Amino acid sequence: MSAADAAGPVELCVLLWAHPGHDAELVAYEDRVLALVPAHGGRVLQRARSSGESGHPLEVQFYSFPSEAALQAYLADDRRVALAAERDRVVARTEFIRVSFS
């Protein structure tokens, strides 16, 4: 077991902003990539959307992975990486915040 695995679960809040006019495409992209999370032992706990107005993110997500290694495997998944051009076209900004759920 690696040190990253020994550290336990990785819990995240992810904030996503769409490029102007690409709200629906951001949601569709996220539908595709979040469908890959379970293949890496992760769970999408919640997705919520705002209007994206006034500088707020369009989508807020919470998810959990069993380890740092599982998160890194998801981020490096060839199916996810293959969608990088789509992501760049529709996602203006992403913030990952490590959290802990109580």
N, C-alpha and C. Protein backbone atom coordinates (compact mmCIF):
# COMPACT_ATOMS: atom_id res chain seq x y z
N MET A 1 0.85 -1.17 0.00
CA MET A 1 0.00 0.00 0.00
C MET A 1 0.89 1.23 0.00
N SER A 2 0.57 2.17 -0.89
CA SER A 2 1.36 3.40 -0.95
C SER A 2 0.93 4.36 0.15
N ALA A 3 1.74 5.39 0.38
CA ALA A 3 1.41 6.39 1.38
C ALA A 3 0.11 7.10 1.02
N ALA A 4 -0.11 7.34 -0.30
CA ALA A 4 -1.34 8.00 -0.73
C ALA A 4 -2.56 7.14 -0.41
N ASP A 5 -2.45 5.82 -0.61
CA ASP A 5 -3.55 4.92 -0.30
C ASP A 5 -3.80 4.87 1.20
N ALA A 6 -2.74 4.90 1.99
CA ALA A 6 -2.86 4.82 3.44
C ALA A 6 -3.54 6.05 4.01
N ALA A 7 -3.48 7.16 3.30
CA ALA A 7 -4.06 8.40 3.79
C ALA A 7 -5.58 8.36 3.82
N GLY A 8 -6.17 7.41 3.16
CA GLY A 8 -7.62 7.29 3.19
C GLY A 8 -8.32 8.00 2.05
N PRO A 9 -9.63 8.17 2.21
CA PRO A 9 -10.43 8.73 1.12
C PRO A 9 -10.04 10.16 0.77
N VAL A 10 -10.29 10.50 -0.48
CA VAL A 10 -10.11 11.86 -0.98
C VAL A 10 -11.51 12.38 -1.29
N GLU A 11 -11.89 13.44 -0.62
CA GLU A 11 -13.21 14.03 -0.81
C GLU A 11 -13.04 15.42 -1.41
N LEU A 12 -13.83 15.70 -2.43
CA LEU A 12 -13.66 16.92 -3.20
C LEU A 12 -14.96 17.67 -3.41
N CYS A 13 -14.82 18.98 -3.48
CA CYS A 13 -15.85 19.87 -4.00
C CYS A 13 -15.24 20.46 -5.27
N VAL A 14 -15.96 20.37 -6.37
CA VAL A 14 -15.46 20.89 -7.63
C VAL A 14 -16.42 21.96 -8.13
N LEU A 15 -15.86 23.10 -8.46
CA LEU A 15 -16.63 24.23 -8.99
C LEU A 15 -16.28 24.40 -10.46
N LEU A 16 -17.30 24.55 -11.31
CA LEU A 16 -17.09 24.63 -12.75
C LEU A 16 -17.81 25.84 -13.34
N TRP A 17 -17.09 26.60 -14.14
CA TRP A 17 -17.63 27.74 -14.86
C TRP A 17 -17.62 27.43 -16.34
N ALA A 18 -18.70 27.73 -17.03
CA ALA A 18 -18.79 27.49 -18.47
C ALA A 18 -18.30 28.72 -19.24
N HIS A 19 -17.77 28.46 -20.43
CA HIS A 19 -17.54 29.56 -21.36
C HIS A 19 -18.91 30.12 -21.73
N PRO A 20 -19.02 31.42 -21.95
CA PRO A 20 -20.33 32.02 -22.28
C PRO A 20 -21.01 31.27 -23.43
N GLY A 21 -22.29 30.97 -23.20
CA GLY A 21 -23.09 30.29 -24.23
C GLY A 21 -22.91 28.79 -24.28
N HIS A 22 -22.12 28.22 -23.36
CA HIS A 22 -21.84 26.78 -23.40
C HIS A 22 -22.32 26.03 -22.16
N ASP A 23 -23.34 26.56 -21.50
CA ASP A 23 -23.83 25.91 -20.29
C ASP A 23 -24.27 24.47 -20.54
N ALA A 24 -25.10 24.26 -21.54
CA ALA A 24 -25.62 22.91 -21.82
C ALA A 24 -24.49 21.97 -22.20
N GLU A 25 -23.51 22.47 -22.92
CA GLU A 25 -22.38 21.63 -23.33
C GLU A 25 -21.51 21.25 -22.14
N LEU A 26 -21.35 22.17 -21.17
CA LEU A 26 -20.59 21.84 -19.96
C LEU A 26 -21.30 20.71 -19.23
N VAL A 27 -22.60 20.81 -19.07
CA VAL A 27 -23.36 19.77 -18.37
C VAL A 27 -23.23 18.44 -19.10
N ALA A 28 -23.32 18.44 -20.43
CA ALA A 28 -23.19 17.20 -21.21
C ALA A 28 -21.79 16.61 -21.06
N TYR A 29 -20.77 17.46 -21.09
CA TYR A 29 -19.39 16.99 -20.90
C TYR A 29 -19.25 16.34 -19.52
N GLU A 30 -19.76 17.01 -18.50
CA GLU A 30 -19.65 16.47 -17.15
C GLU A 30 -20.43 15.16 -17.01
N ASP A 31 -21.58 15.05 -17.66
CA ASP A 31 -22.31 13.78 -17.67
C ASP A 31 -21.41 12.65 -18.15
N ARG A 32 -20.66 12.91 -19.21
CA ARG A 32 -19.79 11.89 -19.80
C ARG A 32 -18.63 11.52 -18.88
N VAL A 33 -17.92 12.52 -18.37
CA VAL A 33 -16.73 12.21 -17.58
C VAL A 33 -17.07 11.69 -16.18
N LEU A 34 -18.15 12.19 -15.60
CA LEU A 34 -18.51 11.70 -14.27
C LEU A 34 -19.02 10.26 -14.32
N ALA A 35 -19.47 9.81 -15.47
CA ALA A 35 -19.86 8.41 -15.63
C ALA A 35 -18.66 7.47 -15.48
N LEU A 36 -17.43 8.01 -15.58
CA LEU A 36 -16.21 7.21 -15.44
C LEU A 36 -15.77 7.07 -13.98
N VAL A 37 -16.29 7.89 -13.10
CA VAL A 37 -15.86 7.90 -11.70
C VAL A 37 -15.99 6.52 -11.04
N PRO A 38 -17.12 5.82 -11.17
CA PRO A 38 -17.24 4.51 -10.50
C PRO A 38 -16.20 3.48 -10.94
N ALA A 39 -15.70 3.59 -12.16
CA ALA A 39 -14.68 2.66 -12.64
C ALA A 39 -13.38 2.78 -11.84
N HIS A 40 -13.25 3.87 -11.11
CA HIS A 40 -12.05 4.11 -10.30
C HIS A 40 -12.36 4.08 -8.81
N GLY A 41 -13.49 3.49 -8.47
CA GLY A 41 -13.88 3.34 -7.07
C GLY A 41 -14.47 4.58 -6.45
N GLY A 42 -14.67 5.62 -7.25
CA GLY A 42 -15.20 6.87 -6.73
C GLY A 42 -16.72 6.91 -6.76
N ARG A 43 -17.24 7.91 -6.07
CA ARG A 43 -18.69 8.13 -6.05
C ARG A 43 -18.98 9.61 -6.23
N VAL A 44 -19.91 9.91 -7.13
CA VAL A 44 -20.41 11.27 -7.26
C VAL A 44 -21.51 11.39 -6.22
N LEU A 45 -21.30 12.25 -5.24
CA LEU A 45 -22.25 12.38 -4.13
C LEU A 45 -23.36 13.38 -4.41
N GLN A 46 -23.02 14.43 -5.13
CA GLN A 46 -24.02 15.47 -5.41
C GLN A 46 -23.55 16.34 -6.56
N ARG A 47 -24.49 16.74 -7.40
CA ARG A 47 -24.26 17.75 -8.43
C ARG A 47 -25.35 18.79 -8.28
N ALA A 48 -24.98 20.04 -8.36
CA ALA A 48 -25.96 21.12 -8.28
C ALA A 48 -25.58 22.18 -9.30
N ARG A 49 -26.59 22.85 -9.82
CA ARG A 49 -26.35 23.90 -10.80
C ARG A 49 -26.93 25.22 -10.32
N SER A 50 -26.24 26.27 -10.71
CA SER A 50 -26.75 27.62 -10.48
C SER A 50 -27.00 28.24 -11.86
N SER A 51 -27.37 29.49 -11.86
CA SER A 51 -27.55 30.19 -13.13
C SER A 51 -26.20 30.52 -13.77
N GLY A 52 -25.13 30.47 -12.97
CA GLY A 52 -23.82 30.85 -13.48
C GLY A 52 -23.64 32.36 -13.58
N GLU A 53 -24.64 33.10 -13.12
CA GLU A 53 -24.58 34.56 -13.19
C GLU A 53 -23.76 35.15 -12.05
N SER A 54 -23.38 36.40 -12.21
CA SER A 54 -22.66 37.16 -11.19
C SER A 54 -21.34 36.49 -10.78
N GLY A 55 -20.72 35.79 -11.71
CA GLY A 55 -19.43 35.18 -11.43
C GLY A 55 -19.49 33.87 -10.67
N HIS A 56 -20.69 33.36 -10.40
CA HIS A 56 -20.81 32.09 -9.69
C HIS A 56 -20.57 30.92 -10.64
N PRO A 57 -20.10 29.80 -10.11
CA PRO A 57 -19.92 28.62 -10.97
C PRO A 57 -21.28 28.12 -11.46
N LEU A 58 -21.28 27.54 -12.64
CA LEU A 58 -22.50 26.94 -13.18
C LEU A 58 -22.82 25.64 -12.46
N GLU A 59 -21.78 24.86 -12.17
CA GLU A 59 -22.01 23.56 -11.54
C GLU A 59 -21.09 23.38 -10.34
N VAL A 60 -21.64 22.76 -9.30
CA VAL A 60 -20.90 22.40 -8.10
C VAL A 60 -21.08 20.90 -7.91
N GLN A 61 -19.97 20.21 -7.70
CA GLN A 61 -20.01 18.75 -7.55
C GLN A 61 -19.29 18.36 -6.27
N PHE A 62 -19.78 17.30 -5.66
CA PHE A 62 -19.09 16.69 -4.53
C PHE A 62 -18.85 15.23 -4.88
N TYR A 63 -17.62 14.80 -4.71
CA TYR A 63 -17.36 13.38 -4.90
C TYR A 63 -16.25 12.88 -4.01
N SER A 64 -16.17 11.56 -3.94
CA SER A 64 -15.24 10.89 -3.04
C SER A 64 -14.55 9.76 -3.79
N PHE A 65 -13.26 9.63 -3.55
CA PHE A 65 -12.47 8.50 -4.07
C PHE A 65 -11.85 7.78 -2.89
N PRO A 66 -11.64 6.49 -3.00
CA PRO A 66 -11.09 5.75 -1.86
C PRO A 66 -9.65 6.11 -1.52
N SER A 67 -8.94 6.72 -2.49
CA SER A 67 -7.53 7.04 -2.26
C SER A 67 -7.08 8.09 -3.27
N GLU A 68 -5.94 8.66 -3.00
CA GLU A 68 -5.33 9.58 -3.96
C GLU A 68 -5.01 8.86 -5.27
N ALA A 69 -4.56 7.62 -5.17
CA ALA A 69 -4.24 6.85 -6.38
C ALA A 69 -5.48 6.67 -7.25
N ALA A 70 -6.63 6.42 -6.63
CA ALA A 70 -7.87 6.26 -7.39
C ALA A 70 -8.25 7.57 -8.08
N LEU A 71 -8.11 8.69 -7.39
CA LEU A 71 -8.38 9.99 -8.00
C LEU A 71 -7.45 10.23 -9.18
N GLN A 72 -6.17 9.97 -9.00
CA GLN A 72 -5.22 10.19 -10.09
C GLN A 72 -5.50 9.28 -11.28
N ALA A 73 -5.94 8.05 -11.02
CA ALA A 73 -6.29 7.13 -12.11
C ALA A 73 -7.49 7.68 -12.88
N TYR A 74 -8.47 8.23 -12.19
CA TYR A 74 -9.62 8.85 -12.85
C TYR A 74 -9.16 10.03 -13.72
N LEU A 75 -8.34 10.91 -13.16
CA LEU A 75 -7.89 12.07 -13.90
C LEU A 75 -7.08 11.70 -15.14
N ALA A 76 -6.37 10.56 -15.08
CA ALA A 76 -5.53 10.11 -16.19
C ALA A 76 -6.25 9.12 -17.12
N ASP A 77 -7.49 8.78 -16.82
CA ASP A 77 -8.25 7.81 -17.62
C ASP A 77 -8.23 8.24 -19.09
N ASP A 78 -7.82 7.33 -19.96
CA ASP A 78 -7.70 7.63 -21.40
C ASP A 78 -9.01 8.15 -21.99
N ARG A 79 -10.14 7.63 -21.52
CA ARG A 79 -11.43 8.08 -22.04
C ARG A 79 -11.70 9.53 -21.64
N ARG A 80 -11.27 9.92 -20.46
CA ARG A 80 -11.42 11.30 -20.00
C ARG A 80 -10.44 12.22 -20.73
N VAL A 81 -9.21 11.78 -20.84
CA VAL A 81 -8.18 12.58 -21.52
C VAL A 81 -8.55 12.82 -22.98
N ALA A 82 -9.19 11.83 -23.61
CA ALA A 82 -9.59 11.96 -25.02
C ALA A 82 -10.61 13.08 -25.23
N LEU A 83 -11.26 13.51 -24.16
CA LEU A 83 -12.27 14.58 -24.25
C LEU A 83 -11.70 15.96 -23.91
N ALA A 84 -10.39 16.07 -23.82
CA ALA A 84 -9.75 17.33 -23.40
C ALA A 84 -10.12 18.51 -24.30
N ALA A 85 -10.20 18.30 -25.60
CA ALA A 85 -10.54 19.40 -26.51
C ALA A 85 -11.97 19.88 -26.26
N GLU A 86 -12.88 18.94 -26.02
CA GLU A 86 -14.26 19.32 -25.69
C GLU A 86 -14.29 20.10 -24.39
N ARG A 87 -13.54 19.61 -23.41
CA ARG A 87 -13.49 20.29 -22.12
C ARG A 87 -12.99 21.72 -22.28
N ASP A 88 -11.90 21.90 -23.01
CA ASP A 88 -11.34 23.23 -23.21
C ASP A 88 -12.32 24.16 -23.92
N ARG A 89 -13.16 23.60 -24.78
CA ARG A 89 -14.13 24.39 -25.53
C ARG A 89 -15.28 24.89 -24.65
N VAL A 90 -15.67 24.09 -23.66
CA VAL A 90 -16.88 24.42 -22.89
C VAL A 90 -16.63 24.86 -21.45
N VAL A 91 -15.52 24.44 -20.86
CA VAL A 91 -15.23 24.76 -19.46
C VAL A 91 -14.22 25.91 -19.40
N ALA A 92 -14.65 27.01 -18.81
CA ALA A 92 -13.78 28.18 -18.71
C ALA A 92 -12.83 28.08 -17.52
N ARG A 93 -13.34 27.48 -16.43
CA ARG A 93 -12.55 27.45 -15.19
C ARG A 93 -13.04 26.31 -14.31
N THR A 94 -12.10 25.70 -13.61
CA THR A 94 -12.41 24.63 -12.67
C THR A 94 -11.62 24.86 -11.40
N GLU A 95 -12.26 24.70 -10.25
CA GLU A 95 -11.57 24.74 -8.96
C GLU A 95 -11.86 23.45 -8.22
N PHE A 96 -10.80 22.79 -7.77
CA PHE A 96 -10.90 21.60 -6.93
C PHE A 96 -10.61 22.02 -5.50
N ILE A 97 -11.50 21.69 -4.59
CA ILE A 97 -11.30 22.01 -3.18
C ILE A 97 -11.39 20.69 -2.40
N ARG A 98 -10.32 20.37 -1.71
CA ARG A 98 -10.36 19.17 -0.86
C ARG A 98 -11.17 19.50 0.39
N VAL A 99 -12.12 18.64 0.67
CA VAL A 99 -13.02 18.84 1.80
C VAL A 99 -13.06 17.55 2.63
N SER A 100 -13.73 17.61 3.75
CA SER A 100 -14.04 16.38 4.48
C SER A 100 -15.50 16.43 4.85
N PHE A 101 -16.17 15.33 4.65
CA PHE A 101 -17.60 15.23 4.93
C PHE A 101 -17.79 14.76 6.35
N SER A 102 -18.75 15.35 7.01
CA SER A 102 -19.02 14.93 8.38
C SER A 102 -20.40 14.32 8.47
